[in-house]
């Protein structure tokens, strides 16, 4: 299938790659990109052969945020239509965040505004050492609205206030100190480091990964009483699962489980 604003491919062992592909505007996001990328995420969700999704950008940027021409074009539209259009990014972020498969961020260049939101929903983030980040919205009279739940969750309230309120750029090492990214590598090592991170997920049971992503999300949002019942119920379900049976049997038989891909 051909796309106007993205590229999508599925490689060996079910490692897929979604590339933001508007390099002429540093992969700025617009309505077409939201529509195309959301369709891809839905396809990844539905395809049991896809086990990992890598998110990256074409050219020398990861994502410069929202396309200004696209945003300006919304000004004269009725409020209800502006709500519908704004919901596209919010929905895409939510769909990526809740995707029951690991998302690996390959951050190949600057991430500004909404691009930082995309970084924040990745389960593991590998970043080139010379990448710059910026939450530039307030310097333009804008708000980092839809991305804020994910960025604040990722870096914490104190760091969020610092980078949201002054629009100051920051580098990869500072991003790592705030836990926005996990691995900072020389640019020439970015592909190899991304591949290593993706391969690690291929050692693990797909359904267990999906359930664990839901587990992390649940326990983060609930208190002791709800977590007590939820986690006990998850263990009871786990004990009867085919994956748990295969995993424990393979351990005792000193062999790799059925889902294991060598090199992970």
Protein backbone atom coordinates (compact mmCIF):
# COMPACT_ATOMS: atom_id res chain seq x y z
CA UNK A 1 0.00 0.00 0.00
CA UNK A 2 1.24 3.49 -0.82
CA UNK A 3 1.10 6.39 1.63
CA UNK A 4 1.48 10.16 1.30
CA UNK A 5 3.00 10.95 4.70
CA UNK A 6 4.46 7.76 6.14
CA UNK A 7 6.26 4.58 5.19
CA UNK A 8 5.46 1.18 6.64
CA UNK A 9 7.24 -2.13 6.27
CA UNK A 10 7.37 -5.44 8.07
CA UNK A 11 10.79 -7.02 8.31
CA UNK A 12 12.28 -10.24 9.55
CA UNK A 13 10.74 -11.96 12.59
CA UNK A 14 7.78 -9.60 12.63
CA UNK A 15 9.67 -6.39 13.42
CA UNK A 16 7.70 -3.62 11.69
CA UNK A 17 8.80 -0.04 11.06
CA UNK A 18 6.61 3.05 10.86
CA UNK A 19 8.51 6.00 9.41
CA UNK A 20 7.18 9.54 9.44
CA UNK A 21 7.89 10.57 5.86
CA UNK A 22 7.59 14.30 5.29
CA UNK A 23 11.28 15.16 5.35
CA UNK A 24 10.75 18.42 3.47
CA UNK A 25 9.02 19.79 6.60
CA UNK A 26 11.05 17.75 9.10
CA UNK A 27 8.23 15.22 9.40
CA UNK A 28 5.73 17.71 10.74
CA UNK A 29 2.39 16.09 11.48
CA UNK A 30 -0.87 16.89 9.70
CA UNK A 31 -4.29 15.34 9.31
CA UNK A 32 -3.21 12.99 6.54
CA UNK A 33 -0.37 11.65 8.69
CA UNK A 34 -2.70 11.07 11.61
CA UNK A 35 -5.15 9.16 9.39
CA UNK A 36 -2.49 7.04 7.72
CA UNK A 37 -0.53 6.31 10.88
CA UNK A 38 -3.65 5.37 12.82
CA UNK A 39 -4.60 2.90 10.10
CA UNK A 40 -1.13 1.35 10.33
CA UNK A 41 -1.30 1.06 14.12
CA UNK A 42 -4.67 -0.68 13.80
CA UNK A 43 -3.16 -3.11 11.29
CA UNK A 44 -0.20 -3.80 13.59
CA UNK A 45 -2.60 -4.43 16.45
CA UNK A 46 -4.58 -6.93 14.39
CA UNK A 47 -1.66 -8.83 12.84
CA UNK A 48 -0.41 -11.63 15.12
CA UNK A 49 2.75 -12.00 13.02
CA UNK A 50 3.92 -8.48 13.92
CA UNK A 51 5.67 -8.57 17.28
CA UNK A 52 7.49 -5.21 17.55
CA UNK A 53 6.91 -1.75 16.06
CA UNK A 54 9.84 0.64 15.47
CA UNK A 55 8.88 4.32 15.18
CA UNK A 56 11.28 6.70 13.42
CA UNK A 57 11.53 9.62 11.00
CA UNK A 58 12.75 10.05 7.44
CA UNK A 59 15.69 12.31 6.62
CA UNK A 60 17.52 14.26 9.30
CA UNK A 61 14.61 14.79 11.72
CA UNK A 62 12.40 12.60 13.86
CA UNK A 63 9.39 14.93 14.10
CA UNK A 64 9.16 18.71 14.32
CA UNK A 65 5.66 18.62 15.81
CA UNK A 66 2.45 19.86 14.25
CA UNK A 67 2.49 21.32 10.75
CA UNK A 68 1.84 25.06 11.12
CA UNK A 69 0.02 25.39 7.79
CA UNK A 70 -2.23 22.52 8.78
CA UNK A 71 -2.89 24.13 12.16
CA UNK A 72 -3.60 27.53 10.65
CA UNK A 73 -6.06 25.93 8.21
CA UNK A 74 -8.21 24.90 11.17
CA UNK A 75 -8.77 28.46 12.40
CA UNK A 76 -11.89 29.23 10.35
CA UNK A 77 -13.54 25.83 10.71
CA UNK A 78 -16.54 25.36 13.04
CA UNK A 79 -15.65 24.38 16.60
CA UNK A 80 -17.05 20.88 16.24
CA UNK A 81 -14.84 20.27 13.21
CA UNK A 82 -11.78 21.60 15.07
CA UNK A 83 -12.55 19.20 17.92
CA UNK A 84 -12.78 16.29 15.47
CA UNK A 85 -9.50 17.22 13.83
CA UNK A 86 -7.67 17.77 17.13
CA UNK A 87 -8.91 14.40 18.32
CA UNK A 88 -6.90 12.66 15.62
CA UNK A 89 -3.56 13.25 17.35
CA UNK A 90 -5.00 12.45 20.77
CA UNK A 91 -6.43 9.20 19.39
CA UNK A 92 -3.20 8.24 17.63
CA UNK A 93 -1.18 8.77 20.81
CA UNK A 94 -3.63 6.70 22.82
CA UNK A 95 -3.65 3.92 20.23
CA UNK A 96 0.14 3.80 20.17
CA UNK A 97 0.33 3.92 23.96
CA UNK A 98 -2.08 1.02 24.38
CA UNK A 99 -0.76 -1.06 21.49
CA UNK A 100 -0.32 -4.56 22.97
CA UNK A 101 3.09 -4.85 21.34
CA UNK A 102 6.38 -3.14 22.17
CA UNK A 103 7.08 0.20 20.51
CA UNK A 104 10.75 1.08 20.04
CA UNK A 105 11.57 4.72 19.32
CA UNK A 106 14.46 5.23 16.91
CA UNK A 107 15.08 8.94 17.40
CA UNK A 108 17.23 9.95 14.46
CA UNK A 109 16.93 13.72 14.68
CA UNK A 110 15.22 16.68 16.37
CA UNK A 111 11.96 16.01 18.21
CA UNK A 112 9.92 19.15 18.87
CA UNK A 113 6.44 19.64 20.30
CA UNK A 114 4.26 16.72 19.28
CA UNK A 115 7.39 14.81 18.37
CA UNK A 116 8.26 14.69 22.07
CA UNK A 117 4.78 13.29 22.65
CA UNK A 118 5.56 10.45 20.25
CA UNK A 119 8.85 9.80 22.03
CA UNK A 120 6.97 9.62 25.33
CA UNK A 121 4.68 6.77 24.28
CA UNK A 122 7.52 4.50 23.14
CA UNK A 123 8.30 1.59 25.44
CA UNK A 124 12.04 1.85 24.74
CA UNK A 125 13.74 4.88 23.18
CA UNK A 126 17.11 4.81 21.42
CA UNK A 127 18.45 8.23 20.54
CA UNK A 128 21.38 9.55 18.52
CA UNK A 129 23.73 11.54 20.74
CA UNK A 130 23.37 14.80 18.77
CA UNK A 131 19.56 14.93 18.85
CA UNK A 132 17.86 18.02 20.28
CA UNK A 133 14.44 18.16 21.92
CA UNK A 134 12.12 21.07 22.63
CA UNK A 135 8.60 21.67 23.93
CA UNK A 136 8.28 24.91 21.99
CA UNK A 137 4.53 25.47 22.19
CA UNK A 138 4.38 28.33 24.69
CA UNK A 139 6.90 30.37 22.70
CA UNK A 140 4.38 30.27 19.84
CA UNK A 141 1.29 31.01 21.91
CA UNK A 142 0.26 27.36 21.83
CA UNK A 143 -0.24 24.64 24.44
CA UNK A 144 1.22 21.10 24.53
CA UNK A 145 -2.28 19.82 25.20
CA UNK A 146 -2.73 16.34 23.69
CA UNK A 147 0.83 15.23 24.39
CA UNK A 148 0.85 16.42 28.02
CA UNK A 149 -0.56 13.24 29.65
CA UNK A 150 2.21 11.16 28.11
CA UNK A 151 5.09 13.59 28.58
CA UNK A 152 4.17 14.36 32.21
CA UNK A 153 3.83 10.66 32.97
CA UNK A 154 7.21 9.99 31.37
CA UNK A 155 9.35 12.74 32.86
CA UNK A 156 7.40 13.80 35.97
CA UNK A 157 5.74 17.06 36.98
CA UNK A 158 8.90 18.95 37.94
CA UNK A 159 10.70 18.22 34.69
CA UNK A 160 7.53 18.87 32.70
CA UNK A 161 7.11 22.32 34.20
CA UNK A 162 10.72 23.10 33.42
CA UNK A 163 10.61 22.13 29.75
CA UNK A 164 6.98 23.08 29.08
CA UNK A 165 7.07 26.60 30.52
CA UNK A 166 10.26 28.03 29.04
CA UNK A 167 10.40 26.31 25.60
CA UNK A 168 14.16 25.86 26.01
CA UNK A 169 15.81 23.20 23.81
CA UNK A 170 17.69 20.37 25.52
CA UNK A 171 20.01 17.62 24.39
CA UNK A 172 20.00 13.85 24.41
CA UNK A 173 21.85 13.43 27.69
CA UNK A 174 19.46 15.77 29.49
CA UNK A 175 16.59 13.85 27.92
CA UNK A 176 18.05 10.65 29.32
CA UNK A 177 18.45 12.22 32.77
CA UNK A 178 14.71 12.99 32.68
CA UNK A 179 13.94 9.41 31.53
CA UNK A 180 12.51 10.65 28.24
CA UNK A 181 14.97 8.41 26.40
CA UNK A 182 16.71 5.22 27.55
CA UNK A 183 19.76 4.75 25.32
CA UNK A 184 21.96 7.48 23.84
CA UNK A 185 24.39 6.25 21.19
CA UNK A 186 26.68 7.72 18.54
CA UNK A 187 24.76 8.37 15.35
CA UNK A 188 26.59 5.65 13.44
CA UNK A 189 25.43 3.10 16.03
CA UNK A 190 21.74 4.08 16.00
CA UNK A 191 20.53 1.29 13.70
CA UNK A 192 22.44 -1.44 15.49
CA UNK A 193 21.29 -0.22 18.91
CA UNK A 194 17.68 -0.06 17.74
CA UNK A 195 17.89 -3.57 16.33
CA UNK A 196 19.27 -4.87 19.63
CA UNK A 197 16.40 -3.37 21.56
CA UNK A 198 13.82 -4.79 19.15
CA UNK A 199 15.47 -8.22 19.26
CA UNK A 200 15.17 -8.38 23.04
CA UNK A 201 11.40 -8.46 22.77
CA UNK A 202 11.59 -11.46 20.45
CA UNK A 203 12.82 -13.60 23.35
CA UNK A 204 9.59 -12.96 25.24
CA UNK A 205 6.05 -14.32 24.99
CA UNK A 206 3.80 -12.00 22.93
CA UNK A 207 0.66 -12.41 25.04
CA UNK A 208 2.66 -11.97 28.24
CA UNK A 209 4.12 -8.73 26.86
CA UNK A 210 0.64 -7.44 26.01
CA UNK A 211 -0.72 -8.37 29.44
CA UNK A 212 2.27 -6.79 31.17
CA UNK A 213 1.80 -3.50 29.29
CA UNK A 214 -1.80 -3.46 30.55
CA UNK A 215 -0.58 -4.38 34.03
CA UNK A 216 1.85 -1.46 34.20
CA UNK A 217 -0.84 0.95 33.02
CA UNK A 218 -3.39 -0.35 35.53
CA UNK A 219 -1.23 -0.36 38.64
CA UNK A 220 0.05 3.12 37.82
CA UNK A 221 -3.51 4.50 37.83
CA UNK A 222 -5.04 2.64 40.77
CA UNK A 223 -4.61 2.32 44.51
CA UNK A 224 -3.80 -0.62 46.75
CA UNK A 225 -7.29 -2.15 46.91
CA UNK A 226 -7.87 -2.18 43.15
CA UNK A 227 -4.32 -3.36 42.47
CA UNK A 228 -4.66 -6.21 44.98
CA UNK A 229 -7.64 -7.68 43.17
CA UNK A 230 -6.37 -6.95 39.66
CA UNK A 231 -2.94 -8.49 40.18
CA UNK A 232 -4.27 -11.58 41.95
CA UNK A 233 -6.73 -12.11 39.10
CA UNK A 234 -3.96 -11.73 36.50
CA UNK A 235 -1.90 -14.43 38.22
CA UNK A 236 -4.88 -16.77 38.34
CA UNK A 237 -5.41 -16.25 34.60
CA UNK A 238 -1.70 -16.61 33.88
CA UNK A 239 -1.50 -20.00 35.56
CA UNK A 240 -3.99 -21.43 33.06
CA UNK A 241 -2.49 -19.83 29.93
CA UNK A 242 -0.87 -21.78 27.12
CA UNK A 243 2.12 -19.44 27.15
CA UNK A 244 2.78 -20.07 30.84
CA UNK A 245 2.52 -23.82 30.24
CA UNK A 246 4.97 -23.62 27.33
CA UNK A 247 7.35 -21.32 29.18
CA UNK A 248 7.58 -23.49 32.29
CA UNK A 249 7.78 -26.70 30.27
CA UNK A 250 10.59 -25.32 28.12
CA UNK A 251 12.48 -24.31 31.27
CA UNK A 252 12.29 -27.82 32.71
CA UNK A 253 13.13 -29.39 29.35
CA UNK A 254 16.11 -27.03 28.96
CA UNK A 255 15.00 -25.73 25.57
CA UNK A 256 13.87 -22.43 24.16
CA UNK A 257 10.13 -21.70 24.18
CA UNK A 258 8.19 -21.68 20.92
CA UNK A 259 8.16 -17.88 20.59
CA UNK A 260 11.91 -17.40 21.10
CA UNK A 261 13.87 -15.88 18.21
CA UNK A 262 17.63 -16.44 18.35
CA UNK A 263 19.70 -13.28 18.60
CA UNK A 264 17.26 -11.53 20.91
